[in-house]
Amino acid sequence: MSIKVENIIKEYGEQKALNNVSFEVNTGEIVGFLGPNGAGKSTMMKILTCFIPQTSGKASVCGFDVAEESLEVRKQVGYLPEHNPLYLDMYVKEYLEFIAGLHHIKNVKERIAEMIEITGLQVEQKKKIGALSKGYRQRVGLAQALIHDPKVLILDEPTTGLDPNQLAEIRNLIIEVGKQKTVMLSTHIMQEVEAMCDRVIIINRGEIVANDETSSLQRTSQAEHGYSIIVEFDKPTSKTALKNINFVTDAKNTKDNIWLLEVKTDKDIRPDVFQFAVSSGLAVLMLNKEEQKLEDVFKQLTKK
């Protein structure tokens, strides 16, 4: 087990940023740590990386206690904070050499060359960091987090501010790194979580509200909250008629003869919709079931 958190509480004066938080991250997992702004994500990550102490409770990384064995923890962890702290007047290689020195790395030149290749910095390696784009600065941040070959990688909003091309490149890099290391990352981009993460932990107001595989959360949410169906007929029909279909709780006419049906069941009612069309003398031109997305689950768990 790479990360173990037990009953962590963090208080800032009278404000409780984390309230009795417990979870585990197994070796080799890529776990999404999600929550709205101010939920406690960054606070938890700062505790795990030994930047701040918890008020009470225990946390360990690779078996080392974050409070009592912080130097050992830091050897095991690569950390990319939300606000990537880089020395903008340094050249890329110069900065990575500086970080390598902090970690007492042997064969510095070989390791820097390896990091530059892994993170795709070859084209920009001779530039000052201040002259790099946001995407390449994130690559430098990832390179410094990986340079000492940590067993655990903790990434706080690693894709913030990236364009779609940069985002895809960083995502692929994280997936590749995750094949050999434990990765815990926070992000507000749900599509990235669905693409990268084996499991998600959702925190809201300092408390864990979900901890499960992405697909399992979506199935559970669909069973509880239902789903939507988009249907297009060849002729007009009415909201009242559509609401008579079993399990349809609402019907909205979005455009012409296209309807959005809100359904409250985990059963697939598309055959019922088709039967309704036949009995009403309508032809079905389109019939799509909109599955629950992770974004929907996130909103349901954190909107209160």
C-alpha atoms as a PDB file:
ATOM      1  CA  MET A   1       0.000   0.000   0.000  1.00  0.00           C
ATOM      2  CA  SER A   2       1.452   3.375  -1.049  1.00  0.00           C
ATOM      3  CA  ILE A   3      -0.736   5.878   0.826  1.00  0.00           C
ATOM      4  CA  LYS A   4      -2.706   5.348   4.025  1.00  0.00           C
ATOM      5  CA  VAL A   5      -4.738   8.118   5.671  1.00  0.00           C
ATOM      6  CA  GLU A   6      -6.492   7.518   8.993  1.00  0.00           C
ATOM      7  CA  ASN A   7      -8.895   9.986  10.638  1.00  0.00           C
ATOM      8  CA  ILE A   8      -7.002  13.088   9.512  1.00  0.00           C
ATOM      9  CA  ILE A   9      -8.276  16.385  10.910  1.00  0.00           C
ATOM     10  CA  LYS A  10      -6.806  19.734   9.905  1.00  0.00           C
ATOM     11  CA  GLU A  11      -7.962  22.917  11.593  1.00  0.00           C
ATOM     12  CA  TYR A  12      -7.138  26.521  10.750  1.00  0.00           C
ATOM     13  CA  GLY A  13      -8.302  28.319  13.861  1.00  0.00           C
ATOM     14  CA  GLU A  14     -12.021  27.613  14.092  1.00  0.00           C
ATOM     15  CA  GLN A  15     -12.256  26.365  10.509  1.00  0.00           C
ATOM     16  CA  LYS A  16     -11.985  22.618   9.962  1.00  0.00           C
ATOM     17  CA  ALA A  17     -10.444  22.099   6.512  1.00  0.00           C
ATOM     18  CA  LEU A  18     -10.373  18.295   6.864  1.00  0.00           C
ATOM     19  CA  ASN A  19     -12.790  16.406   9.084  1.00  0.00           C
ATOM     20  CA  ASN A  20     -11.915  12.816   9.983  1.00  0.00           C
ATOM     21  CA  VAL A  21     -10.647  11.901   6.496  1.00  0.00           C
ATOM     22  CA  SER A  22      -9.608   8.289   5.841  1.00  0.00           C
ATOM     23  CA  PHE A  23      -8.642   6.511   2.606  1.00  0.00           C
ATOM     24  CA  GLU A  24      -5.995   4.269   1.068  1.00  0.00           C
ATOM     25  CA  VAL A  25      -4.234   4.234  -2.290  1.00  0.00           C
ATOM     26  CA  ASN A  26      -2.738   0.941  -3.421  1.00  0.00           C
ATOM     27  CA  THR A  27       0.559   0.507  -5.189  1.00  0.00           C
ATOM     28  CA  GLY A  28       0.244   1.051  -8.953  1.00  0.00           C
ATOM     29  CA  GLU A  29      -3.112   2.877  -8.858  1.00  0.00           C
ATOM     30  CA  ILE A  30      -3.950   6.170 -10.556  1.00  0.00           C
ATOM     31  CA  VAL A  31      -6.496   7.790  -8.244  1.00  0.00           C
ATOM     32  CA  GLY A  32      -8.403  11.008  -8.877  1.00  0.00           C
ATOM     33  CA  PHE A  33      -8.825  13.176  -5.769  1.00  0.00           C
ATOM     34  CA  LEU A  34     -11.765  15.417  -6.605  1.00  0.00           C
ATOM     35  CA  GLY A  35     -13.753  18.167  -4.956  1.00  0.00           C
ATOM     36  CA  PRO A  36     -15.011  21.733  -5.425  1.00  0.00           C
ATOM     37  CA  ASN A  37     -12.811  24.718  -4.602  1.00  0.00           C
ATOM     38  CA  GLY A  38     -12.134  24.884  -0.876  1.00  0.00           C
ATOM     39  CA  ALA A  39     -13.089  21.259  -0.274  1.00  0.00           C
ATOM     40  CA  GLY A  40      -9.697  20.340   1.239  1.00  0.00           C
ATOM     41  CA  LYS A  41      -7.899  18.694  -1.705  1.00  0.00           C
ATOM     42  CA  SER A  42      -4.743  20.806  -1.628  1.00  0.00           C
ATOM     43  CA  THR A  43      -4.633  20.679   2.168  1.00  0.00           C
ATOM     44  CA  MET A  44      -4.658  16.874   2.103  1.00  0.00           C
ATOM     45  CA  MET A  45      -1.943  16.795  -0.549  1.00  0.00           C
ATOM     46  CA  LYS A  46       0.232  19.209   1.429  1.00  0.00           C
ATOM     47  CA  ILE A  47      -0.068  16.956   4.475  1.00  0.00           C
ATOM     48  CA  LEU A  48       0.925  13.879   2.442  1.00  0.00           C
ATOM     49  CA  THR A  49       3.950  15.715   1.037  1.00  0.00           C
ATOM     50  CA  CYS A  50       4.984  17.014   4.487  1.00  0.00           C
ATOM     51  CA  PHE A  51       4.487  20.718   3.662  1.00  0.00           C
ATOM     52  CA  ILE A  52       2.055  21.195   6.544  1.00  0.00           C
ATOM     53  CA  PRO A  53       1.221  19.038   9.606  1.00  0.00           C
ATOM     54  CA  GLN A  54      -2.193  17.608  10.384  1.00  0.00           C
ATOM     55  CA  THR A  55      -4.008  18.654  13.570  1.00  0.00           C
ATOM     56  CA  SER A  56      -4.731  15.014  14.447  1.00  0.00           C
ATOM     57  CA  GLY A  57      -4.887  11.577  12.841  1.00  0.00           C
ATOM     58  CA  LYS A  58      -2.240   9.590  10.988  1.00  0.00           C
ATOM     59  CA  ALA A  59      -0.971   9.459   7.419  1.00  0.00           C
ATOM     60  CA  SER A  60       1.795   7.395   5.872  1.00  0.00           C
ATOM     61  CA  VAL A  61       3.442   7.098   2.457  1.00  0.00           C
ATOM     62  CA  CYS A  62       5.155   3.801   1.564  1.00  0.00           C
ATOM     63  CA  GLY A  63       5.003   2.883   5.253  1.00  0.00           C
ATOM     64  CA  PHE A  64       6.668   6.092   6.497  1.00  0.00           C
ATOM     65  CA  ASP A  65       4.735   8.387   8.852  1.00  0.00           C
ATOM     66  CA  VAL A  66       4.394  11.922   7.451  1.00  0.00           C
ATOM     67  CA  ALA A  67       4.809  13.514  10.883  1.00  0.00           C
ATOM     68  CA  GLU A  68       7.609  11.377  12.322  1.00  0.00           C
ATOM     69  CA  GLU A  69       9.537  10.343   9.183  1.00  0.00           C
ATOM     70  CA  SER A  70       9.091  13.326   6.876  1.00  0.00           C
ATOM     71  CA  LEU A  71      12.526  13.066   5.238  1.00  0.00           C
ATOM     72  CA  GLU A  72      11.874   9.446   4.269  1.00  0.00           C
ATOM     73  CA  VAL A  73       8.431  10.393   2.943  1.00  0.00           C
ATOM     74  CA  ARG A  74       9.926  13.111   0.737  1.00  0.00           C
ATOM     75  CA  LYS A  75      12.308  10.593  -0.783  1.00  0.00           C
ATOM     76  CA  GLN A  76       9.337   8.477  -1.833  1.00  0.00           C
ATOM     77  CA  VAL A  77       7.168  11.308  -3.219  1.00  0.00           C
ATOM     78  CA  GLY A  78       7.262  13.419  -6.361  1.00  0.00           C
ATOM     79  CA  TYR A  79       5.069  16.507  -5.978  1.00  0.00           C
ATOM     80  CA  LEU A  80       3.706  18.989  -8.491  1.00  0.00           C
ATOM     81  CA  PRO A  81       1.767  21.710  -6.607  1.00  0.00           C
ATOM     82  CA  GLU A  82      -1.190  23.573  -8.101  1.00  0.00           C
ATOM     83  CA  HIS A  83       0.952  26.700  -8.590  1.00  0.00           C
ATOM     84  CA  ASN A  84       4.056  25.249 -10.214  1.00  0.00           C
ATOM     85  CA  PRO A  85       6.977  26.890  -8.326  1.00  0.00           C
ATOM     86  CA  LEU A  86       9.705  27.297 -10.912  1.00  0.00           C
ATOM     87  CA  TYR A  87      12.777  29.550 -11.077  1.00  0.00           C
ATOM     88  CA  LEU A  88      11.949  31.459 -14.249  1.00  0.00           C
ATOM     89  CA  ASP A  89      15.474  32.872 -14.724  1.00  0.00           C
ATOM     90  CA  MET A  90      17.000  29.408 -14.804  1.00  0.00           C
ATOM     91  CA  TYR A  91      17.498  27.369 -17.945  1.00  0.00           C
ATOM     92  CA  VAL A  92      15.629  24.057 -18.106  1.00  0.00           C
ATOM     93  CA  LYS A  93      18.750  21.896 -17.698  1.00  0.00           C
ATOM     94  CA  GLU A  94      20.148  24.229 -15.039  1.00  0.00           C
ATOM     95  CA  TYR A  95      16.956  23.943 -12.986  1.00  0.00           C
ATOM     96  CA  LEU A  96      16.798  20.141 -13.271  1.00  0.00           C
ATOM     97  CA  GLU A  97      20.478  19.955 -12.246  1.00  0.00           C
ATOM     98  CA  PHE A  98      19.651  22.066  -9.187  1.00  0.00           C
ATOM     99  CA  ILE A  99      16.747  19.733  -8.237  1.00  0.00           C
ATOM    100  CA  ALA A 100      18.933  16.666  -8.835  1.00  0.00           C
ATOM    101  CA  GLY A 101      21.497  18.118  -6.433  1.00  0.00           C
ATOM    102  CA  LEU A 102      18.853  18.514  -3.728  1.00  0.00           C
ATOM    103  CA  HIS A 103      18.080  14.817  -4.041  1.00  0.00           C
ATOM    104  CA  HIS A 104      21.787  13.811  -4.128  1.00  0.00           C
ATOM    105  CA  ILE A 105      21.275  12.023  -7.432  1.00  0.00           C
ATOM    106  CA  LYS A 106      24.213  10.210  -9.005  1.00  0.00           C
ATOM    107  CA  ASN A 107      24.803  10.284 -12.759  1.00  0.00           C
ATOM    108  CA  VAL A 108      23.100  13.684 -12.944  1.00  0.00           C
ATOM    109  CA  LYS A 109      23.632  14.313 -16.662  1.00  0.00           C
ATOM    110  CA  GLU A 110      22.210  10.920 -17.652  1.00  0.00           C
ATOM    111  CA  ARG A 111      19.192  11.362 -15.380  1.00  0.00           C
ATOM    112  CA  ILE A 112      18.449  14.864 -16.695  1.00  0.00           C
ATOM    113  CA  ALA A 113      18.682  13.617 -20.280  1.00  0.00           C
ATOM    114  CA  GLU A 114      16.255  10.812 -19.401  1.00  0.00           C
ATOM    115  CA  MET A 115      13.765  13.232 -17.818  1.00  0.00           C
ATOM    116  CA  ILE A 116      13.941  15.579 -20.802  1.00  0.00           C
ATOM    117  CA  GLU A 117      13.129  12.691 -23.109  1.00  0.00           C
ATOM    118  CA  ILE A 118      10.332  11.272 -20.923  1.00  0.00           C
ATOM    119  CA  THR A 119       8.604  14.644 -20.522  1.00  0.00           C
ATOM    120  CA  GLY A 120       9.120  15.758 -24.144  1.00  0.00           C
ATOM    121  CA  LEU A 121      11.325  18.756 -23.385  1.00  0.00           C
ATOM    122  CA  GLN A 122      13.925  18.113 -26.096  1.00  0.00           C
ATOM    123  CA  VAL A 123      12.937  21.093 -28.268  1.00  0.00           C
ATOM    124  CA  GLU A 124      12.844  23.547 -25.332  1.00  0.00           C
ATOM    125  CA  GLN A 125      15.688  22.239 -23.179  1.00  0.00           C
ATOM    126  CA  LYS A 126      18.070  25.126 -23.953  1.00  0.00           C
ATOM    127  CA  LYS A 127      15.575  27.864 -23.118  1.00  0.00           C
ATOM    128  CA  LYS A 128      15.028  29.764 -19.902  1.00  0.00           C
ATOM    129  CA  ILE A 129      11.949  28.526 -18.017  1.00  0.00           C
ATOM    130  CA  GLY A 130      10.466  32.027 -18.167  1.00  0.00           C
ATOM    131  CA  ALA A 131      10.393  31.797 -21.971  1.00  0.00           C
ATOM    132  CA  LEU A 132       8.385  28.544 -21.988  1.00  0.00           C
ATOM    133  CA  SER A 133       4.659  28.164 -22.620  1.00  0.00           C
ATOM    134  CA  LYS A 134       2.328  27.010 -19.843  1.00  0.00           C
ATOM    135  CA  GLY A 135       2.362  23.457 -21.226  1.00  0.00           C
ATOM    136  CA  TYR A 136       6.146  23.220 -21.255  1.00  0.00           C
ATOM    137  CA  ARG A 137       6.388  24.705 -17.764  1.00  0.00           C
ATOM    138  CA  GLN A 138       4.105  21.905 -16.598  1.00  0.00           C
ATOM    139  CA  ARG A 139       6.449  19.437 -18.265  1.00  0.00           C
ATOM    140  CA  VAL A 140       9.363  20.945 -16.346  1.00  0.00           C
ATOM    141  CA  GLY A 141       7.296  20.609 -13.157  1.00  0.00           C
ATOM    142  CA  LEU A 142       6.664  16.953 -13.916  1.00  0.00           C
ATOM    143  CA  ALA A 143      10.342  16.415 -14.696  1.00  0.00           C
ATOM    144  CA  GLN A 144      11.387  17.812 -11.297  1.00  0.00           C
ATOM    145  CA  ALA A 145       8.745  15.640  -9.603  1.00  0.00           C
ATOM    146  CA  LEU A 146      10.073  12.518 -11.341  1.00  0.00           C
ATOM    147  CA  ILE A 147      13.810  13.133 -11.376  1.00  0.00           C
ATOM    148  CA  HIS A 148      14.553  11.241  -8.127  1.00  0.00           C
ATOM    149  CA  ASP A 149      12.481   8.249  -9.313  1.00  0.00           C
ATOM    150  CA  PRO A 150       9.823   8.423  -6.567  1.00  0.00           C
ATOM    151  CA  LYS A 151       7.427   5.564  -5.885  1.00  0.00           C
ATOM    152  CA  VAL A 152       4.469   7.959  -5.439  1.00  0.00           C
ATOM    153  CA  LEU A 153       3.514  10.924  -7.628  1.00  0.00           C
ATOM    154  CA  ILE A 154       1.150  13.569  -6.221  1.00  0.00           C
ATOM    155  CA  LEU A 155      -0.165  16.073  -8.763  1.00  0.00           C
ATOM    156  CA  ASP A 156      -2.347  19.040  -7.790  1.00  0.00           C
ATOM    157  CA  GLU A 157      -4.234  20.382 -10.837  1.00  0.00           C
ATOM    158  CA  PRO A 158      -1.519  19.297 -13.333  1.00  0.00           C
ATOM    159  CA  THR A 159      -3.555  20.235 -16.436  1.00  0.00           C
ATOM    160  CA  THR A 160      -4.828  23.679 -15.382  1.00  0.00           C
ATOM    161  CA  GLY A 161      -4.511  26.288 -18.132  1.00  0.00           C
ATOM    162  CA  LEU A 162      -3.408  23.901 -20.873  1.00  0.00           C
ATOM    163  CA  ASP A 163      -4.815  23.976 -24.390  1.00  0.00           C
ATOM    164  CA  PRO A 164      -6.408  20.754 -25.766  1.00  0.00           C
ATOM    165  CA  ASN A 165      -3.190  19.585 -27.447  1.00  0.00           C
ATOM    166  CA  GLN A 166      -1.056  20.210 -24.358  1.00  0.00           C
ATOM    167  CA  LEU A 167      -3.714  18.606 -22.175  1.00  0.00           C
ATOM    168  CA  ALA A 168      -3.692  15.413 -24.238  1.00  0.00           C
ATOM    169  CA  GLU A 169       0.119  15.264 -24.121  1.00  0.00           C
ATOM    170  CA  ILE A 170       0.297  15.698 -20.328  1.00  0.00           C
ATOM    171  CA  ARG A 171      -2.532  13.162 -19.879  1.00  0.00           C
ATOM    172  CA  ASN A 172      -0.675  10.565 -21.939  1.00  0.00           C
ATOM    173  CA  LEU A 173       2.494  11.264 -19.978  1.00  0.00           C
ATOM    174  CA  ILE A 174       0.701  10.724 -16.644  1.00  0.00           C
ATOM    175  CA  ILE A 175      -0.853   7.473 -17.906  1.00  0.00           C
ATOM    176  CA  GLU A 176       2.575   6.245 -19.009  1.00  0.00           C
ATOM    177  CA  VAL A 177       4.150   7.177 -15.669  1.00  0.00           C
ATOM    178  CA  GLY A 178       1.244   5.511 -13.851  1.00  0.00           C
ATOM    179  CA  LYS A 179       2.231   2.134 -15.287  1.00  0.00           C
ATOM    180  CA  GLN A 180       5.205   2.094 -12.930  1.00  0.00           C
ATOM    181  CA  LYS A 181       4.215   4.397 -10.052  1.00  0.00           C
ATOM    182  CA  THR A 182       1.328   5.222  -7.752  1.00  0.00           C
ATOM    183  CA  VAL A 183      -0.329   8.466  -8.889  1.00  0.00           C
ATOM    184  CA  MET A 184      -2.735  10.651  -6.919  1.00  0.00           C
ATOM    185  CA  LEU A 185      -4.015  13.687  -8.806  1.00  0.00           C
ATOM    186  CA  SER A 186      -6.581  16.402  -8.364  1.00  0.00           C
ATOM    187  CA  THR A 187      -8.348  18.120 -11.244  1.00  0.00           C
ATOM    188  CA  HIS A 188     -11.627  19.802 -12.175  1.00  0.00           C
ATOM    189  CA  ILE A 189     -11.626  18.261 -15.657  1.00  0.00           C
ATOM    190  CA  MET A 190     -13.859  15.211 -15.308  1.00  0.00           C
ATOM    191  CA  GLN A 191     -13.050  13.888 -18.780  1.00  0.00           C
ATOM    192  CA  GLU A 192      -9.411  13.645 -17.713  1.00  0.00           C
ATOM    193  CA  VAL A 193     -10.353  11.638 -14.635  1.00  0.00           C
ATOM    194  CA  GLU A 194     -12.458   9.245 -16.719  1.00  0.00           C
ATOM    195  CA  ALA A 195      -9.565   8.817 -19.142  1.00  0.00           C
ATOM    196  CA  MET A 196      -6.763   8.387 -16.591  1.00  0.00           C
ATOM    197  CA  CYS A 197      -8.013   7.160 -13.221  1.00  0.00           C
ATOM    198  CA  ASP A 198      -8.705   3.675 -11.916  1.00  0.00           C
ATOM    199  CA  ARG A 199     -10.638   5.068  -8.958  1.00  0.00           C
ATOM    200  CA  VAL A 200     -11.925   8.390  -7.643  1.00  0.00           C
ATOM    201  CA  ILE A 201     -12.127   9.850  -4.158  1.00  0.00           C
ATOM    202  CA  ILE A 202     -14.502  12.808  -3.863  1.00  0.00           C
ATOM    203  CA  ILE A 203     -14.178  15.231  -0.967  1.00  0.00           C
ATOM    204  CA  ASN A 204     -16.688  17.939  -0.063  1.00  0.00           C
ATOM    205  CA  ARG A 205     -16.368  20.430   2.794  1.00  0.00           C
ATOM    206  CA  GLY A 206     -13.509  18.461   4.284  1.00  0.00           C
ATOM    207  CA  GLU A 207     -15.256  15.073   4.276  1.00  0.00           C
ATOM    208  CA  ILE A 208     -15.028  12.077   1.935  1.00  0.00           C
ATOM    209  CA  VAL A 209     -18.379  11.634   0.145  1.00  0.00           C
ATOM    210  CA  ALA A 210     -17.359   8.934  -2.372  1.00  0.00           C
ATOM    211  CA  ASN A 211     -14.528   6.439  -2.822  1.00  0.00           C
ATOM    212  CA  ASP A 212     -15.006   3.925  -5.614  1.00  0.00           C
ATOM    213  CA  GLU A 213     -14.177   2.962  -9.188  1.00  0.00           C
ATOM    214  CA  THR A 214     -15.456   5.474 -11.743  1.00  0.00           C
ATOM    215  CA  SER A 215     -17.752   3.000 -13.494  1.00  0.00           C
ATOM    216  CA  SER A 216     -19.217   1.796 -10.197  1.00  0.00           C
ATOM    217  CA  LEU A 217     -19.992   5.371  -9.090  1.00  0.00           C
ATOM    218  CA  GLN A 218     -21.742   6.048 -12.387  1.00  0.00           C
ATOM    219  CA  ARG A 219     -23.865   2.878 -12.118  1.00  0.00           C
ATOM    220  CA  THR A 220     -24.826   3.657  -8.514  1.00  0.00           C
ATOM    221  CA  SER A 221     -25.745   7.226  -9.406  1.00  0.00           C
ATOM    222  CA  GLN A 222     -27.827   6.087 -12.378  1.00  0.00           C
ATOM    223  CA  ALA A 223     -29.754   3.629 -10.208  1.00  0.00           C
ATOM    224  CA  GLU A 224     -30.471   6.413  -7.688  1.00  0.00           C
ATOM    225  CA  HIS A 225     -30.976   9.435  -9.944  1.00  0.00           C
ATOM    226  CA  GLY A 226     -31.968   7.881 -13.275  1.00  0.00           C
ATOM    227  CA  TYR A 227     -30.819   8.986 -16.720  1.00  0.00           C
ATOM    228  CA  SER A 228     -31.961  10.854 -19.844  1.00  0.00           C
ATOM    229  CA  ILE A 229     -33.183   9.799 -23.274  1.00  0.00           C
ATOM    230  CA  ILE A 230     -33.056  11.963 -26.406  1.00  0.00           C
ATOM    231  CA  VAL A 231     -35.723  10.991 -28.924  1.00  0.00           C
ATOM    232  CA  GLU A 232     -36.774  12.523 -32.248  1.00  0.00           C
ATOM    233  CA  PHE A 233     -40.134  11.755 -33.857  1.00  0.00           C
ATOM    234  CA  ASP A 234     -41.270  12.497 -37.384  1.00  0.00           C
ATOM    235  CA  LYS A 235     -44.378  14.342 -36.129  1.00  0.00           C
ATOM    236  CA  PRO A 236     -45.377  16.407 -33.094  1.00  0.00           C
ATOM    237  CA  THR A 237     -46.484  14.836 -29.828  1.00  0.00           C
ATOM    238  CA  SER A 238     -47.206  16.237 -26.365  1.00  0.00           C
ATOM    239  CA  LYS A 239     -45.459  16.378 -23.013  1.00  0.00           C
ATOM    240  CA  THR A 240     -48.490  14.845 -21.344  1.00  0.00           C
ATOM    241  CA  ALA A 241     -48.452  11.848 -23.675  1.00  0.00           C
ATOM    242  CA  LEU A 242     -44.726  11.246 -23.182  1.00  0.00           C
ATOM    243  CA  LYS A 243     -45.009  11.426 -19.397  1.00  0.00           C
ATOM    244  CA  ASN A 244     -47.452   8.500 -19.562  1.00  0.00           C
ATOM    245  CA  ILE A 245     -44.532   6.226 -20.547  1.00  0.00           C
ATOM    246  CA  ASN A 246     -43.469   4.160 -17.528  1.00  0.00           C
ATOM    247  CA  PHE A 247     -40.678   5.768 -15.425  1.00  0.00           C
ATOM    248  CA  VAL A 248     -40.626   9.039 -17.440  1.00  0.00           C
ATOM    249  CA  THR A 249     -40.701  11.850 -14.868  1.00  0.00           C
ATOM    250  CA  ASP A 250     -40.358  14.802 -17.243  1.00  0.00           C
ATOM    251  CA  ALA A 251     -40.305  15.599 -20.971  1.00  0.00           C
ATOM    252  CA  LYS A 252     -38.771  18.713 -22.528  1.00  0.00           C
ATOM    253  CA  ASN A 253     -39.195  19.727 -26.150  1.00  0.00           C
ATOM    254  CA  THR A 254     -35.687  20.922 -27.097  1.00  0.00           C
ATOM    255  CA  LYS A 255     -36.160  21.563 -30.825  1.00  0.00           C
ATOM    256  CA  ASP A 256     -38.823  20.781 -33.442  1.00  0.00           C
ATOM    257  CA  ASN A 257     -39.829  17.162 -32.690  1.00  0.00           C
ATOM    258  CA  ILE A 258     -36.802  16.377 -30.500  1.00  0.00           C
ATOM    259  CA  TRP A 259     -37.553  15.562 -26.847  1.00  0.00           C
ATOM    260  CA  LEU A 260     -35.404  15.103 -23.753  1.00  0.00           C
ATOM    261  CA  LEU A 261     -36.952  12.533 -21.416  1.00  0.00           C
ATOM    262  CA  GLU A 262     -35.922  12.333 -17.768  1.00  0.00           C
ATOM    263  CA  VAL A 263     -36.139   8.726 -16.591  1.00  0.00           C
ATOM    264  CA  LYS A 264     -36.106   7.506 -12.954  1.00  0.00           C
ATOM    265  CA  THR A 265     -35.058   3.847 -13.106  1.00  0.00           C
ATOM    266  CA  ASP A 266     -32.000   1.770 -13.895  1.00  0.00           C
ATOM    267  CA  LYS A 267     -34.045  -0.177 -16.460  1.00  0.00           C
ATOM    268  CA  ASP A 268     -33.554   0.648 -20.150  1.00  0.00           C
ATOM    269  CA  ILE A 269     -36.941   1.999 -21.294  1.00  0.00           C
ATOM    270  CA  ARG A 270     -36.058   2.596 -24.943  1.00  0.00           C
ATOM    271  CA  PRO A 271     -38.285  -0.345 -26.014  1.00  0.00           C
ATOM    272  CA  ASP A 272     -41.180   1.356 -24.174  1.00  0.00           C
ATOM    273  CA  VAL A 273     -40.480   4.632 -26.006  1.00  0.00           C
ATOM    274  CA  PHE A 274     -40.447   2.791 -29.319  1.00  0.00           C
ATOM    275  CA  GLN A 275     -43.725   1.043 -28.450  1.00  0.00           C
ATOM    276  CA  PHE A 276     -45.239   4.427 -27.546  1.00  0.00           C
ATOM    277  CA  ALA A 277     -44.250   5.723 -30.980  1.00  0.00           C
ATOM    278  CA  VAL A 278     -45.843   2.732 -32.746  1.00  0.00           C
ATOM    279  CA  SER A 279     -49.107   3.044 -30.806  1.00  0.00           C
ATOM    280  CA  SER A 280     -49.188   6.817 -31.455  1.00  0.00           C
ATOM    281  CA  GLY A 281     -48.558   6.515 -35.205  1.00  0.00           C
ATOM    282  CA  LEU A 282     -45.101   8.122 -34.938  1.00  0.00           C
ATOM    283  CA  ALA A 283     -41.815   7.145 -36.533  1.00  0.00           C
ATOM    284  CA  VAL A 284     -38.654   7.275 -34.409  1.00  0.00           C
ATOM    285  CA  LEU A 285     -35.853   9.146 -36.207  1.00  0.00           C
ATOM    286  CA  MET A 286     -33.400   9.105 -33.292  1.00  0.00           C
ATOM    287  CA  LEU A 287     -33.307   7.366 -29.903  1.00  0.00           C
ATOM    288  CA  ASN A 288     -30.254   7.790 -27.635  1.00  0.00           C
ATOM    289  CA  LYS A 289     -29.733   6.920 -23.984  1.00  0.00           C
ATOM    290  CA  GLU A 290     -27.597   9.457 -22.120  1.00  0.00           C
ATOM    291  CA  GLU A 291     -25.594   7.579 -19.480  1.00  0.00           C
ATOM    292  CA  GLN A 292     -24.624   9.193 -16.181  1.00  0.00           C
ATOM    293  CA  LYS A 293     -21.281  10.962 -16.508  1.00  0.00           C
ATOM    294  CA  LEU A 294     -18.734  11.475 -13.753  1.00  0.00           C
ATOM    295  CA  GLU A 295     -19.524  15.197 -13.913  1.00  0.00           C
ATOM    296  CA  ASP A 296     -23.175  14.419 -13.043  1.00  0.00           C
ATOM    297  CA  VAL A 297     -22.077  12.232 -10.114  1.00  0.00           C
ATOM    298  CA  PHE A 298     -19.716  14.984  -8.911  1.00  0.00           C
ATOM    299  CA  LYS A 299     -22.489  17.591  -8.977  1.00  0.00           C
ATOM    300  CA  GLN A 300     -24.923  15.340  -7.139  1.00  0.00           C
ATOM    301  CA  LEU A 301     -22.422  14.632  -4.371  1.00  0.00           C
ATOM    302  CA  THR A 302     -21.095  18.176  -3.900  1.00  0.00           C
ATOM    303  CA  LYS A 303     -23.924  20.572  -4.774  1.00  0.00           C
ATOM    304  CA  LYS A 304     -25.330  20.829  -1.236  1.00  0.00           C
END
